[in-house]
Amino acid sequence: MMNKKQNLAEKLSALVSRAGSQRKALKLIESVRGTAPTKSAIDRAVKGSGTEYAMHCMISDLEEALKNE
């Protein structure tokens, strides 16, 4: 059974794929928030080593940005 952090990492990974790349995901997050995490922070989160809170924020921001595209 997968834990919550793994589920968040998989969901974030799918959203980054929809964005096209981690750099494009950064630009989308920045368009929503006016600021964005670093590429390495997204990379760590996609691999499941970010905090749950940071992962959740990235997911929410990407979902909002992709909805507006």
N, C-alpha and C. Protein backbone atom coordinates (compact mmCIF):
# COMPACT_ATOMS: atom_id res chain seq x y z
N MET A 1 0.84 -1.19 0.00
CA MET A 1 0.00 0.00 0.00
C MET A 1 0.88 1.25 0.00
N MET A 2 0.53 2.19 -0.86
CA MET A 2 1.34 3.40 -0.96
C MET A 2 0.95 4.38 0.15
N ASN A 3 1.95 5.11 0.62
CA ASN A 3 1.62 6.09 1.65
C ASN A 3 1.27 7.43 1.01
N LYS A 4 0.84 8.36 1.83
CA LYS A 4 0.36 9.65 1.36
C LYS A 4 1.43 10.41 0.57
N LYS A 5 2.67 10.37 1.05
CA LYS A 5 3.76 11.08 0.40
C LYS A 5 4.02 10.53 -1.01
N GLN A 6 3.95 9.21 -1.15
CA GLN A 6 4.14 8.60 -2.46
C GLN A 6 3.01 9.01 -3.41
N ASN A 7 1.78 9.06 -2.90
CA ASN A 7 0.65 9.49 -3.72
C ASN A 7 0.83 10.92 -4.20
N LEU A 8 1.28 11.79 -3.30
CA LEU A 8 1.53 13.19 -3.66
C LEU A 8 2.63 13.28 -4.72
N ALA A 9 3.69 12.51 -4.55
CA ALA A 9 4.80 12.53 -5.50
C ALA A 9 4.33 12.08 -6.88
N GLU A 10 3.51 11.05 -6.93
CA GLU A 10 3.00 10.56 -8.22
C GLU A 10 2.08 11.58 -8.87
N LYS A 11 1.23 12.21 -8.08
CA LYS A 11 0.33 13.22 -8.61
C LYS A 11 1.12 14.42 -9.14
N LEU A 12 2.13 14.85 -8.39
CA LEU A 12 2.97 15.96 -8.83
C LEU A 12 3.72 15.59 -10.10
N SER A 13 4.23 14.39 -10.16
CA SER A 13 4.95 13.93 -11.35
C SER A 13 4.05 13.97 -12.58
N ALA A 14 2.80 13.55 -12.43
CA ALA A 14 1.86 13.57 -13.54
C ALA A 14 1.57 15.00 -13.99
N LEU A 15 1.45 15.92 -13.04
CA LEU A 15 1.19 17.32 -13.38
C LEU A 15 2.40 17.96 -14.07
N VAL A 16 3.59 17.63 -13.60
CA VAL A 16 4.81 18.14 -14.25
C VAL A 16 4.88 17.61 -15.68
N SER A 17 4.51 16.38 -15.88
CA SER A 17 4.48 15.81 -17.23
C SER A 17 3.48 16.55 -18.11
N ARG A 18 2.31 16.86 -17.55
CA ARG A 18 1.31 17.63 -18.30
C ARG A 18 1.83 19.01 -18.66
N ALA A 19 2.61 19.60 -17.77
CA ALA A 19 3.19 20.92 -18.04
C ALA A 19 4.23 20.85 -19.15
N GLY A 20 4.87 19.71 -19.31
CA GLY A 20 5.86 19.53 -20.37
C GLY A 20 7.27 19.32 -19.87
N SER A 21 7.61 19.94 -18.75
CA SER A 21 8.94 19.79 -18.14
C SER A 21 8.93 20.46 -16.78
N GLN A 22 9.97 20.24 -16.01
CA GLN A 22 10.06 20.90 -14.70
C GLN A 22 10.20 22.41 -14.87
N ARG A 23 10.94 22.84 -15.85
CA ARG A 23 11.10 24.29 -16.08
C ARG A 23 9.77 24.94 -16.47
N LYS A 24 9.00 24.25 -17.31
CA LYS A 24 7.69 24.78 -17.69
C LYS A 24 6.75 24.78 -16.49
N ALA A 25 6.86 23.76 -15.64
CA ALA A 25 6.06 23.71 -14.42
C ALA A 25 6.39 24.91 -13.52
N LEU A 26 7.68 25.25 -13.43
CA LEU A 26 8.10 26.42 -12.65
C LEU A 26 7.44 27.69 -13.17
N LYS A 27 7.44 27.85 -14.48
CA LYS A 27 6.83 29.05 -15.08
C LYS A 27 5.33 29.10 -14.81
N LEU A 28 4.68 27.94 -14.85
CA LEU A 28 3.25 27.89 -14.57
C LEU A 28 2.96 28.25 -13.11
N ILE A 29 3.75 27.71 -12.20
CA ILE A 29 3.56 28.04 -10.78
C ILE A 29 3.79 29.53 -10.56
N GLU A 30 4.83 30.06 -11.20
CA GLU A 30 5.13 31.48 -11.06
C GLU A 30 3.98 32.35 -11.60
N SER A 31 3.31 31.88 -12.66
CA SER A 31 2.20 32.64 -13.22
C SER A 31 1.01 32.70 -12.26
N VAL A 32 0.90 31.71 -11.40
CA VAL A 32 -0.19 31.66 -10.43
C VAL A 32 0.18 32.40 -9.14
N ARG A 33 1.38 32.19 -8.65
CA ARG A 33 1.80 32.70 -7.34
C ARG A 33 2.65 33.97 -7.39
N GLY A 34 3.26 34.23 -8.54
CA GLY A 34 4.19 35.35 -8.59
C GLY A 34 5.58 34.97 -8.13
N THR A 35 5.73 33.76 -7.67
CA THR A 35 7.01 33.20 -7.25
C THR A 35 6.91 31.69 -7.44
N ALA A 36 8.04 31.02 -7.42
CA ALA A 36 8.03 29.58 -7.66
C ALA A 36 9.16 28.91 -6.89
N PRO A 37 9.00 27.61 -6.63
CA PRO A 37 10.10 26.87 -6.01
C PRO A 37 11.24 26.71 -7.01
N THR A 38 12.38 26.30 -6.54
CA THR A 38 13.49 26.05 -7.45
C THR A 38 13.24 24.76 -8.22
N LYS A 39 13.97 24.60 -9.32
CA LYS A 39 13.86 23.37 -10.11
C LYS A 39 14.26 22.17 -9.26
N SER A 40 15.29 22.35 -8.43
CA SER A 40 15.73 21.23 -7.59
C SER A 40 14.68 20.87 -6.54
N ALA A 41 13.92 21.86 -6.06
CA ALA A 41 12.85 21.56 -5.10
C ALA A 41 11.75 20.73 -5.76
N ILE A 42 11.42 21.08 -7.00
CA ILE A 42 10.42 20.28 -7.73
C ILE A 42 10.97 18.89 -7.99
N ASP A 43 12.23 18.80 -8.37
CA ASP A 43 12.84 17.50 -8.63
C ASP A 43 12.80 16.62 -7.38
N ARG A 44 13.15 17.17 -6.23
CA ARG A 44 13.10 16.40 -4.98
C ARG A 44 11.67 15.98 -4.66
N ALA A 45 10.72 16.89 -4.85
CA ALA A 45 9.32 16.58 -4.55
C ALA A 45 8.78 15.46 -5.44
N VAL A 46 9.13 15.52 -6.72
CA VAL A 46 8.69 14.47 -7.66
C VAL A 46 9.25 13.11 -7.24
N LYS A 47 10.44 13.12 -6.66
CA LYS A 47 11.06 11.87 -6.20
C LYS A 47 10.57 11.45 -4.81
N GLY A 48 9.71 12.28 -4.20
CA GLY A 48 9.12 11.92 -2.91
C GLY A 48 9.90 12.37 -1.70
N SER A 49 10.91 13.23 -1.89
CA SER A 49 11.70 13.64 -0.73
C SER A 49 11.41 15.07 -0.27
N GLY A 50 10.38 15.68 -0.83
CA GLY A 50 9.98 17.00 -0.35
C GLY A 50 9.03 16.85 0.83
N THR A 51 8.69 17.96 1.45
CA THR A 51 7.70 17.89 2.54
C THR A 51 6.32 17.74 1.92
N GLU A 52 5.42 17.14 2.68
CA GLU A 52 4.04 16.98 2.19
C GLU A 52 3.41 18.33 1.90
N TYR A 53 3.68 19.31 2.76
CA TYR A 53 3.12 20.64 2.56
C TYR A 53 3.60 21.26 1.25
N ALA A 54 4.90 21.21 1.00
CA ALA A 54 5.45 21.78 -0.23
C ALA A 54 4.89 21.05 -1.45
N MET A 55 4.78 19.74 -1.36
CA MET A 55 4.26 18.97 -2.47
C MET A 55 2.80 19.35 -2.74
N HIS A 56 2.03 19.49 -1.67
CA HIS A 56 0.63 19.85 -1.80
C HIS A 56 0.50 21.24 -2.44
N CYS A 57 1.31 22.19 -2.02
CA CYS A 57 1.28 23.54 -2.60
C CYS A 57 1.62 23.51 -4.09
N MET A 58 2.64 22.76 -4.46
CA MET A 58 3.02 22.67 -5.87
C MET A 58 1.88 22.06 -6.69
N ILE A 59 1.26 21.03 -6.15
CA ILE A 59 0.15 20.37 -6.85
C ILE A 59 -1.00 21.35 -7.05
N SER A 60 -1.38 22.05 -5.99
CA SER A 60 -2.49 23.01 -6.09
C SER A 60 -2.20 24.09 -7.11
N ASP A 61 -0.98 24.63 -7.06
CA ASP A 61 -0.61 25.69 -8.00
C ASP A 61 -0.59 25.20 -9.44
N LEU A 62 -0.06 24.01 -9.66
CA LEU A 62 -0.02 23.46 -11.02
C LEU A 62 -1.42 23.14 -11.54
N GLU A 63 -2.26 22.60 -10.66
CA GLU A 63 -3.64 22.31 -11.08
C GLU A 63 -4.35 23.61 -11.51
N GLU A 64 -4.17 24.65 -10.73
CA GLU A 64 -4.79 25.94 -11.06
C GLU A 64 -4.24 26.49 -12.37
N ALA A 65 -2.93 26.44 -12.53
CA ALA A 65 -2.30 26.98 -13.76
C ALA A 65 -2.72 26.18 -14.99
N LEU A 66 -2.76 24.87 -14.88
CA LEU A 66 -3.13 24.04 -16.03
C LEU A 66 -4.60 24.19 -16.37
N LYS A 67 -5.43 24.46 -15.37
CA LYS A 67 -6.86 24.68 -15.60
C LYS A 67 -7.07 25.97 -16.39
N ASN A 68 -6.20 26.95 -16.18
CA ASN A 68 -6.32 28.25 -16.83
C ASN A 68 -5.68 28.30 -18.22
N GLU A 69 -5.04 27.24 -18.63
CA GLU A 69 -4.35 27.25 -19.93
C GLU A 69 -5.33 27.02 -21.06
